[in-house]
Amino acid sequence: MNTVSYTSSGGIARITIDKPASRNSLSLETLRELQAAFEQAESDAKTRVVILAGNGPAFCAGHDLKEIRTHAQTRDYAKTLFEACAKLMLTITQLSKPVIARVQGIATAAGAQLVATADLAVAADNARFGTPGVNIGLFCSTPMVALSRNLSRKHALEMLLLGDLISAEDALRFGLVNRLVPEAELDAAVDEIAQKIASKSFVAVKTGKRAFYKQLELGLEDAYAYTASVMEDNLKSADACEGICAFIEKRVPVWANEENKK
């Protein structure tokens, strides 16, 4: 039984966790299906941006605790589960296409990790977020990686140590999401952002996303040296030449990869 759906149109791939009865919990099977879906998006030459969503009233409630309880003592189960989770999060970050999380209902534990890992996140104004592992004796250590790289240390630790659900307003204030909209307007808001990104030069977007994450891990001097070399290479691309000419000539640029979006 498939627990993840994949559709693509107009340069936008939509990956949807389709387990509404369990609030889109992440079983090992679901993690593997998500992995395959993101790999499909990466290999699809027409895809420019990816929307990650959850079907039903919740975005994602995190790992499937019933499955964990059943298999916790099974040899290598926990290792396999958390390695699959880590691989998925790295894949999202390393994907050449930006990923937008579309969040409704709750996003907790590994669900909050997905939100923090996505490049952008748009949430319904009644959504709630949390890393409640500490409440059940299982600290959210892997979600901590994404949270600590997106939020201030004190905001990340507040979520991790208290285990409380936070409001959408606090998620926005903490830096976990980019925008809040009424739930009825969520699809339109996410689609607007996705379409805007899809209209840009794929060469520039791909180059920029890769450079953004790499420079974060460098010291200041090394970061400037690295990004200067990135811009030098980017400037040599056909899209950069076209974009500069179009700006000067006051016309809409025609990117070299335009044919792939048809």
Protein backbone atom coordinates (compact mmCIF):
# COMPACT_ATOMS: atom_id res chain seq x y z
CA MET A 1 0.00 0.00 0.00
CA ASN A 2 1.41 3.37 -1.05
CA THR A 3 1.59 5.94 1.72
CA VAL A 4 3.06 8.75 -0.37
CA SER A 5 1.72 10.27 -3.59
CA TYR A 6 3.71 12.11 -6.26
CA THR A 7 2.37 14.43 -8.94
CA SER A 8 4.10 16.95 -11.17
CA SER A 9 2.81 19.78 -13.34
CA GLY A 10 4.13 23.10 -14.58
CA GLY A 11 7.55 22.57 -13.07
CA ILE A 12 6.12 21.90 -9.60
CA ALA A 13 6.28 18.44 -8.00
CA ARG A 14 3.89 17.69 -5.15
CA ILE A 15 4.86 15.03 -2.64
CA THR A 16 2.05 14.19 -0.23
CA ILE A 17 2.12 11.90 2.79
CA ASP A 18 -1.21 10.07 2.49
CA LYS A 19 -1.91 8.49 5.88
CA PRO A 20 -4.60 10.77 7.34
CA ALA A 21 -5.87 8.15 9.79
CA SER A 22 -2.50 8.18 11.60
CA ARG A 23 -1.93 11.92 11.12
CA ASN A 24 0.64 11.06 8.45
CA SER A 25 2.99 9.31 10.84
CA LEU A 26 6.38 8.28 9.50
CA SER A 27 6.69 4.53 9.45
CA LEU A 28 9.82 3.00 7.97
CA GLU A 29 7.84 2.27 4.80
CA THR A 30 6.70 5.90 4.58
CA LEU A 31 10.24 7.19 5.03
CA ARG A 32 11.39 4.96 2.20
CA GLU A 33 8.54 6.11 -0.03
CA LEU A 34 9.35 9.74 0.72
CA GLN A 35 12.99 9.03 -0.12
CA ALA A 36 11.97 7.56 -3.47
CA ALA A 37 9.65 10.50 -4.19
CA PHE A 38 12.36 13.10 -3.56
CA GLU A 39 14.80 11.12 -5.68
CA GLN A 40 12.17 11.13 -8.44
CA ALA A 41 11.82 14.90 -8.13
CA GLU A 42 15.58 15.30 -8.35
CA SER A 43 15.82 13.22 -11.51
CA ASP A 44 12.82 14.89 -13.20
CA ALA A 45 14.32 17.49 -15.55
CA LYS A 46 11.03 19.41 -15.69
CA THR A 47 10.73 19.85 -11.92
CA ARG A 48 11.85 23.22 -10.58
CA VAL A 49 10.41 23.21 -7.07
CA VAL A 50 8.85 20.65 -4.70
CA ILE A 51 5.86 21.06 -2.37
CA LEU A 52 5.77 18.68 0.60
CA ALA A 53 2.32 18.22 2.11
CA GLY A 54 0.27 15.92 4.31
CA ASN A 55 -3.21 14.68 3.44
CA GLY A 56 -6.01 15.22 5.94
CA PRO A 57 -6.21 17.31 9.11
CA ALA A 58 -2.51 17.07 10.03
CA PHE A 59 0.78 17.69 8.27
CA CYS A 60 2.78 15.01 10.09
CA ALA A 61 2.74 13.69 13.66
CA GLY A 62 6.28 12.31 13.51
CA HIS A 63 7.45 8.72 13.76
CA ASP A 64 4.88 5.92 14.01
CA LEU A 65 5.01 5.12 17.73
CA LYS A 66 2.87 2.00 17.34
CA GLU A 67 5.38 0.60 14.88
CA ILE A 68 8.25 1.61 17.16
CA ARG A 69 6.62 -0.13 20.13
CA THR A 70 6.13 -3.28 18.06
CA HIS A 71 9.63 -3.43 16.62
CA ALA A 72 11.78 -1.57 19.16
CA GLN A 73 13.46 -4.78 20.29
CA THR A 74 13.85 -6.15 16.76
CA ARG A 75 17.47 -6.42 15.75
CA ASP A 76 18.67 -3.30 13.90
CA TYR A 77 15.14 -1.83 13.58
CA ALA A 78 15.93 1.42 15.42
CA LYS A 79 19.22 1.84 13.55
CA THR A 80 17.49 1.29 10.20
CA LEU A 81 14.63 3.65 11.09
CA PHE A 82 16.73 6.59 12.19
CA GLU A 83 19.27 6.12 9.40
CA ALA A 84 16.38 6.26 6.90
CA CYS A 85 15.12 9.43 8.58
CA ALA A 86 18.54 11.08 8.49
CA LYS A 87 19.02 10.10 4.85
CA LEU A 88 15.68 11.68 3.94
CA MET A 89 16.49 14.96 5.70
CA LEU A 90 19.90 15.14 4.00
CA THR A 91 18.26 14.43 0.65
CA ILE A 92 15.85 17.34 1.11
CA THR A 93 18.68 19.69 2.02
CA GLN A 94 20.90 18.48 -0.82
CA LEU A 95 18.11 18.46 -3.41
CA SER A 96 18.85 20.87 -6.26
CA LYS A 97 15.22 22.02 -6.23
CA PRO A 98 13.82 24.15 -3.37
CA VAL A 99 11.36 22.36 -1.08
CA ILE A 100 8.33 24.13 0.40
CA ALA A 101 6.50 22.57 3.35
CA ARG A 102 2.73 23.12 3.26
CA VAL A 103 1.66 22.80 6.89
CA GLN A 104 -1.78 22.35 8.41
CA GLY A 105 -2.94 20.89 11.72
CA ILE A 106 0.04 19.62 13.67
CA ALA A 107 3.70 19.11 12.79
CA THR A 108 5.34 17.32 15.68
CA ALA A 109 8.62 15.50 16.35
CA ALA A 110 9.92 14.27 12.97
CA GLY A 111 7.04 16.23 11.41
CA ALA A 112 8.47 19.43 12.86
CA GLN A 113 11.85 18.21 11.63
CA LEU A 114 10.47 18.04 8.09
CA VAL A 115 9.23 21.63 8.41
CA ALA A 116 12.60 22.82 9.71
CA THR A 117 14.47 20.89 7.01
CA ALA A 118 12.39 22.24 4.11
CA ASP A 119 13.86 25.34 2.49
CA LEU A 120 10.63 27.29 3.00
CA ALA A 121 7.49 26.64 5.02
CA VAL A 122 4.01 28.12 4.78
CA ALA A 123 1.55 27.23 7.53
CA ALA A 124 -2.11 27.64 8.31
CA ASP A 125 -2.58 30.20 11.06
CA ASN A 126 -4.15 27.53 13.29
CA ALA A 127 -1.30 25.01 12.86
CA ARG A 128 0.71 23.85 15.87
CA PHE A 129 4.25 22.58 16.21
CA GLY A 130 6.21 20.64 18.77
CA THR A 131 9.00 18.26 19.65
CA PRO A 132 7.31 16.30 22.45
CA GLY A 133 9.76 13.39 22.65
CA VAL A 134 10.97 14.51 26.07
CA ASN A 135 7.45 13.84 27.37
CA ILE A 136 7.72 10.13 26.57
CA GLY A 137 11.35 9.64 27.51
CA LEU A 138 12.64 9.76 23.93
CA PHE A 139 14.39 13.10 23.38
CA CYS A 140 13.95 14.49 19.86
CA SER A 141 17.64 14.32 19.07
CA THR A 142 17.41 14.04 15.28
CA PRO A 143 14.78 16.81 14.99
CA MET A 144 17.19 18.87 17.10
CA VAL A 145 19.64 18.95 14.18
CA ALA A 146 17.22 20.82 11.92
CA LEU A 147 15.74 22.96 14.70
CA SER A 148 19.13 24.14 15.95
CA ARG A 149 20.09 25.18 12.43
CA ASN A 150 16.91 27.22 11.86
CA LEU A 151 15.95 28.65 15.24
CA SER A 152 17.95 30.50 17.84
CA ARG A 153 19.47 28.15 20.41
CA LYS A 154 17.11 29.25 23.15
CA HIS A 155 14.01 28.86 20.97
CA ALA A 156 15.17 25.42 19.81
CA LEU A 157 15.90 24.30 23.37
CA GLU A 158 12.58 25.69 24.59
CA MET A 159 10.78 23.42 22.13
CA LEU A 160 13.03 20.43 22.86
CA LEU A 161 13.12 20.68 26.67
CA LEU A 162 9.50 21.62 27.33
CA GLY A 163 7.90 19.37 24.75
CA ASP A 164 4.91 21.70 24.48
CA LEU A 165 2.97 22.48 21.34
CA ILE A 166 3.60 26.00 20.13
CA SER A 167 1.24 28.15 18.10
CA ALA A 168 1.66 29.09 14.47
CA GLU A 169 2.39 32.64 15.62
CA ASP A 170 5.26 31.42 17.81
CA ALA A 171 6.53 29.21 14.97
CA LEU A 172 6.69 32.31 12.79
CA ARG A 173 8.37 34.31 15.54
CA PHE A 174 10.88 31.53 16.19
CA GLY A 175 11.76 31.30 12.48
CA LEU A 176 10.35 27.81 11.92
CA VAL A 177 7.98 28.98 9.17
CA ASN A 178 8.03 31.81 6.64
CA ARG A 179 4.38 32.79 6.42
CA LEU A 180 0.99 32.20 8.03
CA VAL A 181 -2.28 32.27 6.13
CA PRO A 182 -5.86 31.19 6.86
CA GLU A 183 -6.16 27.46 6.20
CA ALA A 184 -8.57 28.07 3.31
CA GLU A 185 -5.86 30.11 1.58
CA LEU A 186 -2.99 27.69 2.22
CA ASP A 187 -2.88 26.03 -1.19
CA ALA A 188 -3.06 29.34 -3.03
CA ALA A 189 -0.27 30.84 -0.91
CA VAL A 190 2.03 27.84 -1.39
CA ASP A 191 1.30 27.64 -5.12
CA GLU A 192 2.06 31.33 -5.56
CA ILE A 193 5.50 30.91 -4.01
CA ALA A 194 6.19 27.69 -5.93
CA GLN A 195 5.21 29.24 -9.26
CA LYS A 196 7.40 32.27 -8.60
CA ILE A 197 10.41 30.04 -7.88
CA ALA A 198 9.64 27.85 -10.89
CA SER A 199 9.75 30.92 -13.13
CA LYS A 200 13.37 31.71 -12.17
CA SER A 201 16.51 30.42 -13.81
CA PHE A 202 16.98 26.84 -12.63
CA VAL A 203 20.74 27.27 -12.96
CA ALA A 204 20.67 30.23 -10.58
CA VAL A 205 18.30 28.58 -8.08
CA LYS A 206 20.22 25.30 -8.03
CA THR A 207 23.53 27.12 -7.65
CA GLY A 208 22.16 29.34 -4.90
CA LYS A 209 20.60 26.58 -2.83
CA ARG A 210 23.75 24.48 -2.88
CA ALA A 211 25.93 27.46 -2.00
CA PHE A 212 23.61 28.61 0.79
CA TYR A 213 23.94 25.40 2.78
CA LYS A 214 27.64 24.93 2.09
CA GLN A 215 28.64 28.44 3.20
CA LEU A 216 26.74 28.04 6.46
CA GLU A 217 29.27 25.46 7.57
CA LEU A 218 32.30 27.63 6.73
CA GLY A 219 34.10 30.34 8.64
CA LEU A 220 33.49 33.92 7.50
CA GLU A 221 36.63 34.29 5.40
CA ASP A 222 36.20 30.88 3.78
CA ALA A 223 32.52 31.58 3.15
CA TYR A 224 33.31 34.73 1.21
CA ALA A 225 36.06 33.00 -0.78
CA TYR A 226 33.73 30.12 -1.62
CA THR A 227 30.74 32.27 -2.61
CA ALA A 228 32.95 34.58 -4.70
CA SER A 229 34.04 31.55 -6.74
CA VAL A 230 30.40 30.42 -7.01
CA MET A 231 29.36 33.82 -8.40
CA GLU A 232 32.28 33.76 -10.83
CA ASP A 233 31.13 30.42 -12.22
CA ASN A 234 27.47 31.49 -12.18
CA LEU A 235 28.33 34.62 -14.19
CA LYS A 236 29.67 32.42 -16.99
CA SER A 237 26.31 30.65 -17.43
CA ALA A 238 24.02 31.35 -20.37
CA ASP A 239 21.20 32.22 -17.98
CA ALA A 240 23.25 34.92 -16.24
CA CYS A 241 24.12 36.47 -19.59
CA GLU A 242 20.49 36.34 -20.67
CA GLY A 243 19.22 37.70 -17.36
CA ILE A 244 21.57 40.69 -17.39
CA CYS A 245 20.77 41.49 -21.02
CA ALA A 246 17.03 41.19 -20.39
CA PHE A 247 17.27 43.54 -17.39
CA ILE A 248 19.18 46.16 -19.38
CA GLU A 249 16.85 45.79 -22.37
CA LYS A 250 13.76 45.88 -20.12
CA ARG A 251 12.29 42.58 -21.31
CA VAL A 252 11.37 39.24 -19.80
CA PRO A 253 14.33 36.82 -19.81
CA VAL A 254 14.10 33.54 -21.70
CA TRP A 255 16.11 31.02 -19.73
CA ALA A 256 18.24 28.44 -21.47
CA ASN A 257 16.29 25.68 -19.70
CA GLU A 258 12.88 27.06 -20.75
CA GLU A 259 12.09 24.13 -23.00
CA ASN A 260 12.23 21.74 -20.03
CA LYS A 261 9.27 23.46 -18.38
CA LYS A 262 6.86 22.74 -21.25
